Amino acid sequence: MTMQKRTTIEPYDIVSLEFECRQCHARYSVTLAGFSKAQMKCPNCGVQWLRGIDTSTAVDSQDVKIARFVHSVQDLQAAGLEAIIRLEISMPPGGEGGKIES
């Protein structure tokens, strides 16, 4: 017999968006309710996190894509769907989950 462990979340489980700087590892968290636009730079060390709009190719900027994601989650949360939608999240190799912080 094969045993499988899965971790799933519903859109209702998502309460905030967290950014972590790859340079200094500072974290910035914003609730979905309080989200207005994505943080473009690390508030600690100032490294640029997201690229702006590329006017030469008219490609949406990274902050616009993040805003669309947040608004999509908010729309799902408010939709009152007759089905339960869950997202499956990956687990670290051999892990029972991520870091536990107090």
PDB file of N, CA and C in Angstrom:
ATOM      1  N   MET A   1       0.842  -1.169   0.000  1.00  0.00           N
ATOM      2  CA  MET A   1       0.000   0.000   0.000  1.00  0.00           C
ATOM      3  C   MET A   1       0.892   1.238   0.000  1.00  0.00           C
ATOM      4  N   THR A   2       0.498   2.223  -0.774  1.00  0.00           N
ATOM      5  CA  THR A   2       1.214   3.493  -0.834  1.00  0.00           C
ATOM      6  C   THR A   2       0.446   4.530  -0.021  1.00  0.00           C
ATOM      7  N   MET A   3       1.184   5.255   0.815  1.00  0.00           N
ATOM      8  CA  MET A   3       0.565   6.329   1.587  1.00  0.00           C
ATOM      9  C   MET A   3       1.006   7.653   0.979  1.00  0.00           C
ATOM     10  N   GLN A   4       0.101   8.566   0.966  1.00  0.00           N
ATOM     11  CA  GLN A   4       0.385   9.873   0.397  1.00  0.00           C
ATOM     12  C   GLN A   4      -0.121  10.944   1.349  1.00  0.00           C
ATOM     13  N   LYS A   5       0.690  11.961   1.550  1.00  0.00           N
ATOM     14  CA  LYS A   5       0.271  13.093   2.364  1.00  0.00           C
ATOM     15  C   LYS A   5       0.179  14.308   1.456  1.00  0.00           C
ATOM     16  N   ARG A   6      -0.961  14.964   1.500  1.00  0.00           N
ATOM     17  CA  ARG A   6      -1.180  16.151   0.691  1.00  0.00           C
ATOM     18  C   ARG A   6      -1.558  17.305   1.596  1.00  0.00           C
ATOM     19  N   THR A   7      -1.189  18.488   1.181  1.00  0.00           N
ATOM     20  CA  THR A   7      -1.604  19.692   1.886  1.00  0.00           C
ATOM     21  C   THR A   7      -2.356  20.554   0.890  1.00  0.00           C
ATOM     22  N   THR A   8      -3.582  20.907   1.246  1.00  0.00           N
ATOM     23  CA  THR A   8      -4.377  21.765   0.376  1.00  0.00           C
ATOM     24  C   THR A   8      -4.867  22.969   1.168  1.00  0.00           C
ATOM     25  N   ILE A   9      -5.117  24.040   0.443  1.00  0.00           N
ATOM     26  CA  ILE A   9      -5.686  25.238   1.049  1.00  0.00           C
ATOM     27  C   ILE A   9      -6.840  25.707   0.176  1.00  0.00           C
ATOM     28  N   GLU A  10      -7.790  26.373   0.800  1.00  0.00           N
ATOM     29  CA  GLU A  10      -8.890  26.988   0.070  1.00  0.00           C
ATOM     30  C   GLU A  10      -8.582  28.478  -0.073  1.00  0.00           C
ATOM     31  N   PRO A  11      -9.172  29.123  -1.066  1.00  0.00           N
ATOM     32  CA  PRO A  11      -8.948  30.569  -1.185  1.00  0.00           C
ATOM     33  C   PRO A  11      -9.255  31.320   0.106  1.00  0.00           C
ATOM     34  N   TYR A  12     -10.223  30.823   0.891  1.00  0.00           N
ATOM     35  CA  TYR A  12     -10.577  31.464   2.162  1.00  0.00           C
ATOM     36  C   TYR A  12      -9.437  31.389   3.178  1.00  0.00           C
ATOM     37  N   ASP A  13      -8.521  30.431   2.989  1.00  0.00           N
ATOM     38  CA  ASP A  13      -7.385  30.277   3.899  1.00  0.00           C
ATOM     39  C   ASP A  13      -6.314  31.338   3.670  1.00  0.00           C
ATOM     40  N   ILE A  14      -6.329  31.975   2.516  1.00  0.00           N
ATOM     41  CA  ILE A  14      -5.300  32.954   2.171  1.00  0.00           C
ATOM     42  C   ILE A  14      -5.675  34.296   2.795  1.00  0.00           C
ATOM     43  N   VAL A  15      -4.862  34.764   3.725  1.00  0.00           N
ATOM     44  CA  VAL A  15      -5.175  36.016   4.414  1.00  0.00           C
ATOM     45  C   VAL A  15      -4.175  37.128   4.103  1.00  0.00           C
ATOM     46  N   SER A  16      -2.967  36.760   3.668  1.00  0.00           N
ATOM     47  CA  SER A  16      -1.982  37.796   3.379  1.00  0.00           C
ATOM     48  C   SER A  16      -0.997  37.307   2.327  1.00  0.00           C
ATOM     49  N   LEU A  17      -0.225  38.238   1.843  1.00  0.00           N
ATOM     50  CA  LEU A  17       0.827  37.974   0.871  1.00  0.00           C
ATOM     51  C   LEU A  17       2.129  38.394   1.529  1.00  0.00           C
ATOM     52  N   GLU A  18       3.108  37.514   1.527  1.00  0.00           N
ATOM     53  CA  GLU A  18       4.388  37.822   2.169  1.00  0.00           C
ATOM     54  C   GLU A  18       5.486  37.872   1.122  1.00  0.00           C
ATOM     55  N   PHE A  19       6.300  38.901   1.198  1.00  0.00           N
ATOM     56  CA  PHE A  19       7.479  39.044   0.352  1.00  0.00           C
ATOM     57  C   PHE A  19       8.694  38.818   1.234  1.00  0.00           C
ATOM     58  N   GLU A  20       9.683  38.086   0.736  1.00  0.00           N
ATOM     59  CA  GLU A  20      10.948  37.928   1.463  1.00  0.00           C
ATOM     60  C   GLU A  20      12.079  38.327   0.532  1.00  0.00           C
ATOM     61  N   CYS A  21      12.938  39.198   0.999  1.00  0.00           N
ATOM     62  CA  CYS A  21      14.061  39.675   0.206  1.00  0.00           C
ATOM     63  C   CYS A  21      15.104  38.572   0.059  1.00  0.00           C
ATOM     64  N   ARG A  22      15.534  38.315  -1.154  1.00  0.00           N
ATOM     65  CA  ARG A  22      16.578  37.302  -1.392  1.00  0.00           C
ATOM     66  C   ARG A  22      17.942  37.776  -0.910  1.00  0.00           C
ATOM     67  N   GLN A  23      18.114  39.093  -0.779  1.00  0.00           N
ATOM     68  CA  GLN A  23      19.392  39.653  -0.325  1.00  0.00           C
ATOM     69  C   GLN A  23      19.543  39.583   1.191  1.00  0.00           C
ATOM     70  N   CYS A  24      18.625  40.243   1.908  1.00  0.00           N
ATOM     71  CA  CYS A  24      18.783  40.379   3.359  1.00  0.00           C
ATOM     72  C   CYS A  24      17.800  39.531   4.163  1.00  0.00           C
ATOM     73  N   HIS A  25      16.872  38.867   3.472  1.00  0.00           N
ATOM     74  CA  HIS A  25      15.862  37.980   4.076  1.00  0.00           C
ATOM     75  C   HIS A  25      14.858  38.693   4.972  1.00  0.00           C
ATOM     76  N   ALA A  26      14.774  40.004   4.858  1.00  0.00           N
ATOM     77  CA  ALA A  26      13.714  40.732   5.557  1.00  0.00           C
ATOM     78  C   ALA A  26      12.380  40.333   4.927  1.00  0.00           C
ATOM     79  N   ARG A  27      11.340  40.332   5.728  1.00  0.00           N
ATOM     80  CA  ARG A  27      10.016  39.959   5.242  1.00  0.00           C
ATOM     81  C   ARG A  27       9.059  41.130   5.353  1.00  0.00           C
ATOM     82  N   TYR A  28       8.181  41.202   4.365  1.00  0.00           N
ATOM     83  CA  TYR A  28       7.149  42.228   4.317  1.00  0.00           C
ATOM     84  C   TYR A  28       5.841  41.509   4.044  1.00  0.00           C
ATOM     85  N   SER A  29       4.855  41.717   4.880  1.00  0.00           N
ATOM     86  CA  SER A  29       3.579  41.028   4.743  1.00  0.00           C
ATOM     87  C   SER A  29       2.455  42.050   4.666  1.00  0.00           C
ATOM     88  N   VAL A  30       1.498  41.801   3.763  1.00  0.00           N
ATOM     89  CA  VAL A  30       0.342  42.680   3.622  1.00  0.00           C
ATOM     90  C   VAL A  30      -0.906  41.809   3.512  1.00  0.00           C
ATOM     91  N   THR A  31      -1.958  42.183   4.235  1.00  0.00           N
ATOM     92  CA  THR A  31      -3.204  41.432   4.163  1.00  0.00           C
ATOM     93  C   THR A  31      -3.843  41.644   2.798  1.00  0.00           C
ATOM     94  N   LEU A  32      -4.652  40.672   2.372  1.00  0.00           N
ATOM     95  CA  LEU A  32      -5.357  40.837   1.105  1.00  0.00           C
ATOM     96  C   LEU A  32      -6.296  42.030   1.190  1.00  0.00           C
ATOM     97  N   ALA A  33      -6.927  42.208   2.344  1.00  0.00           N
ATOM     98  CA  ALA A  33      -7.853  43.327   2.519  1.00  0.00           C
ATOM     99  C   ALA A  33      -7.126  44.672   2.429  1.00  0.00           C
ATOM    100  N   GLY A  34      -5.883  44.722   2.869  1.00  0.00           N
ATOM    101  CA  GLY A  34      -5.128  45.967   2.859  1.00  0.00           C
ATOM    102  C   GLY A  34      -4.247  46.144   1.640  1.00  0.00           C
ATOM    103  N   PHE A  35      -4.326  45.217   0.677  1.00  0.00           N
ATOM    104  CA  PHE A  35      -3.454  45.266  -0.493  1.00  0.00           C
ATOM    105  C   PHE A  35      -3.900  46.359  -1.452  1.00  0.00           C
ATOM    106  N   SER A  36      -2.979  47.227  -1.842  1.00  0.00           N
ATOM    107  CA  SER A  36      -3.286  48.214  -2.869  1.00  0.00           C
ATOM    108  C   SER A  36      -2.343  48.054  -4.057  1.00  0.00           C
ATOM    109  N   LYS A  37      -1.054  47.810  -3.786  1.00  0.00           N
ATOM    110  CA  LYS A  37      -0.102  47.528  -4.859  1.00  0.00           C
ATOM    111  C   LYS A  37       1.077  46.771  -4.265  1.00  0.00           C
ATOM    112  N   ALA A  38       1.779  46.069  -5.118  1.00  0.00           N
ATOM    113  CA  ALA A  38       2.902  45.255  -4.661  1.00  0.00           C
ATOM    114  C   ALA A  38       4.071  46.124  -4.225  1.00  0.00           C
ATOM    115  N   GLN A  39       4.797  45.651  -3.239  1.00  0.00           N
ATOM    116  CA  GLN A  39       6.003  46.325  -2.754  1.00  0.00           C
ATOM    117  C   GLN A  39       7.093  46.135  -3.809  1.00  0.00           C
ATOM    118  N   MET A  40       7.592  47.226  -4.367  1.00  0.00           N
ATOM    119  CA  MET A  40       8.569  47.145  -5.455  1.00  0.00           C
ATOM    120  C   MET A  40       9.999  46.968  -4.962  1.00  0.00           C
ATOM    121  N   LYS A  41      10.300  47.468  -3.757  1.00  0.00           N
ATOM    122  CA  LYS A  41      11.661  47.404  -3.210  1.00  0.00           C
ATOM    123  C   LYS A  41      11.618  46.863  -1.793  1.00  0.00           C
ATOM    124  N   CYS A  42      12.726  46.267  -1.374  1.00  0.00           N
ATOM    125  CA  CYS A  42      12.851  45.804   0.004  1.00  0.00           C
ATOM    126  C   CYS A  42      12.852  47.019   0.932  1.00  0.00           C
ATOM    127  N   PRO A  43      11.955  47.029   1.929  1.00  0.00           N
ATOM    128  CA  PRO A  43      11.944  48.168   2.846  1.00  0.00           C
ATOM    129  C   PRO A  43      13.162  48.201   3.765  1.00  0.00           C
ATOM    130  N   ASN A  44      13.918  47.111   3.821  1.00  0.00           N
ATOM    131  CA  ASN A  44      15.090  47.045   4.695  1.00  0.00           C
ATOM    132  C   ASN A  44      16.374  47.466   3.974  1.00  0.00           C
ATOM    133  N   CYS A  45      16.686  46.800   2.837  1.00  0.00           N
ATOM    134  CA  CYS A  45      17.963  47.072   2.161  1.00  0.00           C
ATOM    135  C   CYS A  45      17.810  47.819   0.839  1.00  0.00           C
ATOM    136  N   GLY A  46      16.571  47.981   0.353  1.00  0.00           N
ATOM    137  CA  GLY A  46      16.326  48.760  -0.849  1.00  0.00           C
ATOM    138  C   GLY A  46      16.527  48.045  -2.168  1.00  0.00           C
ATOM    139  N   VAL A  47      16.842  46.742  -2.156  1.00  0.00           N
ATOM    140  CA  VAL A  47      17.033  46.019  -3.410  1.00  0.00           C
ATOM    141  C   VAL A  47      15.699  45.985  -4.174  1.00  0.00           C
ATOM    142  N   GLN A  48      15.775  46.151  -5.505  1.00  0.00           N
ATOM    143  CA  GLN A  48      14.589  46.155  -6.362  1.00  0.00           C
ATOM    144  C   GLN A  48      14.037  44.740  -6.446  1.00  0.00           C
ATOM    145  N   TRP A  49      12.777  44.533  -6.030  1.00  0.00           N
ATOM    146  CA  TRP A  49      12.144  43.211  -6.072  1.00  0.00           C
ATOM    147  C   TRP A  49      11.433  42.944  -7.384  1.00  0.00           C
ATOM    148  N   LEU A  50      10.742  43.961  -7.893  1.00  0.00           N
ATOM    149  CA  LEU A  50       9.890  43.777  -9.067  1.00  0.00           C
ATOM    150  C   LEU A  50      10.283  44.746 -10.164  1.00  0.00           C
ATOM    151  N   ARG A  51      10.098  44.297 -11.387  1.00  0.00           N
ATOM    152  CA  ARG A  51      10.350  45.154 -12.540  1.00  0.00           C
ATOM    153  C   ARG A  51       9.095  45.950 -12.860  1.00  0.00           C
ATOM    154  N   GLY A  52       9.291  47.138 -13.372  1.00  0.00           N
ATOM    155  CA  GLY A  52       8.167  47.978 -13.791  1.00  0.00           C
ATOM    156  C   GLY A  52       7.667  47.577 -15.169  1.00  0.00           C
ATOM    157  N   ILE A  53       6.814  48.404 -15.728  1.00  0.00           N
ATOM    158  CA  ILE A  53       6.216  48.107 -17.031  1.00  0.00           C
ATOM    159  C   ILE A  53       7.260  48.268 -18.126  1.00  0.00           C
ATOM    160  N   ASP A  54       7.326  47.277 -19.020  1.00  0.00           N
ATOM    161  CA  ASP A  54       8.214  47.319 -20.174  1.00  0.00           C
ATOM    162  C   ASP A  54       7.424  47.930 -21.333  1.00  0.00           C
ATOM    163  N   THR A  55       7.606  49.223 -21.565  1.00  0.00           N
ATOM    164  CA  THR A  55       6.812  49.902 -22.585  1.00  0.00           C
ATOM    165  C   THR A  55       7.200  49.483 -24.000  1.00  0.00           C
ATOM    166  N   SER A  56       8.398  48.934 -24.189  1.00  0.00           N
ATOM    167  CA  SER A  56       8.803  48.533 -25.537  1.00  0.00           C
ATOM    168  C   SER A  56       8.046  47.296 -26.006  1.00  0.00           C
ATOM    169  N   THR A  57       7.606  46.452 -25.080  1.00  0.00           N
ATOM    170  CA  THR A  57       6.884  45.238 -25.484  1.00  0.00           C
ATOM    171  C   THR A  57       5.453  45.228 -24.963  1.00  0.00           C
ATOM    172  N   ALA A  58       5.069  46.247 -24.194  1.00  0.00           N
ATOM    173  CA  ALA A  58       3.727  46.356 -23.616  1.00  0.00           C
ATOM    174  C   ALA A  58       3.374  45.136 -22.755  1.00  0.00           C
ATOM    175  N   VAL A  59       4.375  44.557 -22.105  1.00  0.00           N
ATOM    176  CA  VAL A  59       4.150  43.426 -21.209  1.00  0.00           C
ATOM    177  C   VAL A  59       3.750  43.964 -19.838  1.00  0.00           C
ATOM    178  N   ASP A  60       2.761  43.325 -19.224  1.00  0.00           N
ATOM    179  CA  ASP A  60       2.371  43.753 -17.885  1.00  0.00           C
ATOM    180  C   ASP A  60       3.542  43.623 -16.931  1.00  0.00           C
ATOM    181  N   SER A  61       3.633  44.565 -16.044  1.00  0.00           N
ATOM    182  CA  SER A  61       4.695  44.536 -15.057  1.00  0.00           C
ATOM    183  C   SER A  61       4.412  43.453 -14.017  1.00  0.00           C
ATOM    184  N   GLN A  62       5.451  43.103 -13.281  1.00  0.00           N
ATOM    185  CA  GLN A  62       5.315  42.081 -12.252  1.00  0.00           C
ATOM    186  C   GLN A  62       4.346  42.512 -11.169  1.00  0.00           C
ATOM    187  N   ASP A  63       4.330  43.806 -10.827  1.00  0.00           N
ATOM    188  CA  ASP A  63       3.398  44.264  -9.795  1.00  0.00           C
ATOM    189  C   ASP A  63       1.949  44.166 -10.257  1.00  0.00           C
ATOM    190  N   VAL A  64       1.694  44.367 -11.558  1.00  0.00           N
ATOM    191  CA  VAL A  64       0.341  44.216 -12.099  1.00  0.00           C
ATOM    192  C   VAL A  64      -0.087  42.753 -12.017  1.00  0.00           C
ATOM    193  N   LYS A  65       0.819  41.839 -12.315  1.00  0.00           N
ATOM    194  CA  LYS A  65       0.500  40.410 -12.237  1.00  0.00           C
ATOM    195  C   LYS A  65       0.189  39.995 -10.796  1.00  0.00           C
ATOM    196  N   ILE A  66       0.934  40.520  -9.835  1.00  0.00           N
ATOM    197  CA  ILE A  66       0.670  40.215  -8.421  1.00  0.00           C
ATOM    198  C   ILE A  66      -0.683  40.788  -8.021  1.00  0.00           C
ATOM    199  N   ALA A  67      -0.986  42.002  -8.454  1.00  0.00           N
ATOM    200  CA  ALA A  67      -2.278  42.618  -8.140  1.00  0.00           C
ATOM    201  C   ALA A  67      -3.421  41.799  -8.726  1.00  0.00           C
ATOM    202  N   ARG A  68      -3.260  41.294  -9.942  1.00  0.00           N
ATOM    203  CA  ARG A  68      -4.286  40.439 -10.548  1.00  0.00           C
ATOM    204  C   ARG A  68      -4.495  39.172  -9.721  1.00  0.00           C
ATOM    205  N   PHE A  69      -3.405  38.575  -9.254  1.00  0.00           N
ATOM    206  CA  PHE A  69      -3.497  37.376  -8.418  1.00  0.00           C
ATOM    207  C   PHE A  69      -4.293  37.677  -7.151  1.00  0.00           C
ATOM    208  N   VAL A  70      -3.949  38.763  -6.469  1.00  0.00           N
ATOM    209  CA  VAL A  70      -4.640  39.129  -5.232  1.00  0.00           C
ATOM    210  C   VAL A  70      -6.124  39.365  -5.508  1.00  0.00           C
ATOM    211  N   HIS A  71      -6.437  40.089  -6.567  1.00  0.00           N
ATOM    212  CA  HIS A  71      -7.840  40.376  -6.884  1.00  0.00           C
ATOM    213  C   HIS A  71      -8.584  39.096  -7.266  1.00  0.00           C
ATOM    214  N   SER A  72      -7.917  38.167  -7.934  1.00  0.00           N
ATOM    215  CA  SER A  72      -8.544  36.883  -8.269  1.00  0.00           C
ATOM    216  C   SER A  72      -8.880  36.096  -7.005  1.00  0.00           C
ATOM    217  N   VAL A  73      -7.960  36.072  -6.048  1.00  0.00           N
ATOM    218  CA  VAL A  73      -8.222  35.384  -4.787  1.00  0.00           C
ATOM    219  C   VAL A  73      -9.389  36.057  -4.060  1.00  0.00           C
ATOM    220  N   GLN A  74      -9.394  37.389  -4.024  1.00  0.00           N
ATOM    221  CA  GLN A  74     -10.491  38.114  -3.380  1.00  0.00           C
ATOM    222  C   GLN A  74     -11.830  37.810  -4.059  1.00  0.00           C
ATOM    223  N   ASP A  75     -11.838  37.731  -5.387  1.00  0.00           N
ATOM    224  CA  ASP A  75     -13.061  37.406  -6.116  1.00  0.00           C
ATOM    225  C   ASP A  75     -13.545  35.999  -5.770  1.00  0.00           C
ATOM    226  N   LEU A  76     -12.618  35.038  -5.692  1.00  0.00           N
ATOM    227  CA  LEU A  76     -12.998  33.675  -5.315  1.00  0.00           C
ATOM    228  C   LEU A  76     -13.563  33.622  -3.901  1.00  0.00           C
ATOM    229  N   GLN A  77     -12.963  34.387  -2.992  1.00  0.00           N
ATOM    230  CA  GLN A  77     -13.427  34.409  -1.610  1.00  0.00           C
ATOM    231  C   GLN A  77     -14.849  34.968  -1.522  1.00  0.00           C
ATOM    232  N   ALA A  78     -15.197  35.910  -2.378  1.00  0.00           N
ATOM    233  CA  ALA A  78     -16.503  36.563  -2.324  1.00  0.00           C
ATOM    234  C   ALA A  78     -17.560  35.873  -3.188  1.00  0.00           C
ATOM    235  N   ALA A  79     -17.158  34.909  -3.996  1.00  0.00           N
ATOM    236  CA  ALA A  79     -18.050  34.357  -5.008  1.00  0.00           C
ATOM    237  C   ALA A  79     -19.183  33.492  -4.457  1.00  0.00           C
ATOM    238  N   GLY A  80     -19.011  32.883  -3.300  1.00  0.00           N
ATOM    239  CA  GLY A  80     -20.047  31.992  -2.780  1.00  0.00           C
ATOM    240  C   GLY A  80     -20.289  30.809  -3.700  1.00  0.00           C
ATOM    241  N   LEU A  81     -19.225  30.180  -4.137  1.00  0.00           N
ATOM    242  CA  LEU A  81     -19.318  29.067  -5.085  1.00  0.00           C
ATOM    243  C   LEU A  81     -20.023  27.861  -4.475  1.00  0.00           C
ATOM    244  N   GLU A  82     -20.662  27.075  -5.314  1.00  0.00           N
ATOM    245  CA  GLU A  82     -21.318  25.844  -4.878  1.00  0.00           C
ATOM    246  C   GLU A  82     -20.334  24.679  -4.826  1.00  0.00           C
ATOM    247  N   ALA A  83     -19.129  24.890  -5.261  1.00  0.00           N
ATOM    248  CA  ALA A  83     -18.079  23.875  -5.183  1.00  0.00           C
ATOM    249  C   ALA A  83     -16.993  24.382  -4.251  1.00  0.00           C
ATOM    250  N   ILE A  84     -16.281  23.464  -3.637  1.00  0.00           N
ATOM    251  CA  ILE A  84     -15.134  23.825  -2.807  1.00  0.00           C
ATOM    252  C   ILE A  84     -13.892  23.716  -3.684  1.00  0.00           C
ATOM    253  N   ILE A  85     -13.167  24.794  -3.799  1.00  0.00           N
ATOM    254  CA  ILE A  85     -11.938  24.807  -4.595  1.00  0.00           C
ATOM    255  C   ILE A  85     -10.772  24.801  -3.627  1.00  0.00           C
ATOM    256  N   ARG A  86      -9.808  23.922  -3.882  1.00  0.00           N
ATOM    257  CA  ARG A  86      -8.609  23.858  -3.047  1.00  0.00           C
ATOM    258  C   ARG A  86      -7.379  23.911  -3.936  1.00  0.00           C
ATOM    259  N   LEU A  87      -6.343  24.528  -3.425  1.00  0.00           N
ATOM    260  CA  LEU A  87      -5.043  24.558  -4.082  1.00  0.00           C
ATOM    261  C   LEU A  87      -4.144  23.600  -3.335  1.00  0.00           C
ATOM    262  N   GLU A  88      -3.428  22.769  -4.056  1.00  0.00           N
ATOM    263  CA  GLU A  88      -2.476  21.875  -3.409  1.00  0.00           C
ATOM    264  C   GLU A  88      -1.131  22.563  -3.371  1.00  0.00           C
ATOM    265  N   ILE A  89      -0.483  22.517  -2.220  1.00  0.00           N
ATOM    266  CA  ILE A  89       0.828  23.134  -2.089  1.00  0.00           C
ATOM    267  C   ILE A  89       1.880  22.055  -1.905  1.00  0.00           C
ATOM    268  N   SER A  90       3.062  22.290  -2.440  1.00  0.00           N
ATOM    269  CA  SER A  90       4.126  21.304  -2.357  1.00  0.00           C
ATOM    270  C   SER A  90       4.789  21.354  -0.991  1.00  0.00           C
ATOM    271  N   MET A  91       5.310  20.238  -0.595  1.00  0.00           N
ATOM    272  CA  MET A  91       6.036  20.131   0.664  1.00  0.00           C
ATOM    273  C   MET A  91       7.526  20.056   0.346  1.00  0.00           C
ATOM    274  N   PRO A  92       8.359  20.566   1.219  1.00  0.00           N
ATOM    275  CA  PRO A  92       9.802  20.437   0.997  1.00  0.00           C
ATOM    276  C   PRO A  92      10.177  18.951   0.924  1.00  0.00           C
ATOM    277  N   PRO A  93      11.226  18.611   0.172  1.00  0.00           N
ATOM    278  CA  PRO A  93      11.634  17.215   0.048  1.00  0.00           C
ATOM    279  C   PRO A  93      11.801  16.560   1.425  1.00  0.00           C
ATOM    280  N   GLY A  94      11.092  15.454   1.628  1.00  0.00           N
ATOM    281  CA  GLY A  94      11.216  14.688   2.868  1.00  0.00           C
ATOM    282  C   GLY A  94      10.677  15.414   4.089  1.00  0.00           C
ATOM    283  N   GLY A  95       9.954  16.506   3.853  1.00  0.00           N
ATOM    284  CA  GLY A  95       9.541  17.318   4.989  1.00  0.00           C
ATOM    285  C   GLY A  95       8.098  17.145   5.381  1.00  0.00           C
ATOM    286  N   GLU A  96       7.818  17.525   6.586  1.00  0.00           N
ATOM    287  CA  GLU A  96       6.467  17.535   7.111  1.00  0.00           C
ATOM    288  C   GLU A  96       5.892  18.938   7.004  1.00  0.00           C
ATOM    289  N   GLY A  97       6.606  19.819   6.378  1.00  0.00           N
ATOM    290  CA  GLY A  97       6.147  21.209   6.275  1.00  0.00           C
ATOM    291  C   GLY A  97       7.339  22.140   6.321  1.00  0.00           C
ATOM    292  N   GLY A  98       7.054  23.394   6.288  1.00  0.00           N
ATOM    293  CA  GLY A  98       8.101  24.396   6.305  1.00  0.00           C
ATOM    294  C   GLY A  98       8.576  24.692   7.699  1.00  0.00           C
ATOM    295  N   LYS A  99       9.271  25.808   7.828  1.00  0.00           N
ATOM    296  CA  LYS A  99       9.780  26.230   9.136  1.00  0.00           C
ATOM    297  C   LYS A  99       8.624  26.574  10.063  1.00  0.00           C
ATOM    298  N   ILE A 100       8.790  26.259  11.295  1.00  0.00           N
ATOM    299  CA  ILE A 100       7.811  26.655  12.299  1.00  0.00           C
ATOM    300  C   ILE A 100       8.422  27.806  13.070  1.00  0.00           C
ATOM    301  N   GLU A 101       7.700  28.922  13.068  1.00  0.00           N
ATOM    302  CA  GLU A 101       8.214  30.116  13.725  1.00  0.00           C
ATOM    303  C   GLU A 101       7.290  30.489  14.858  1.00  0.00           C
ATOM    304  N   SER A 102       7.868  30.992  15.924  1.00  0.00           N
ATOM    305  CA  SER A 102       7.022  31.408  17.046  1.00  0.00           C
ATOM    306  C   SER A 102       6.941  32.910  17.113  1.00  0.00           C
TER     307      SER A 102
END
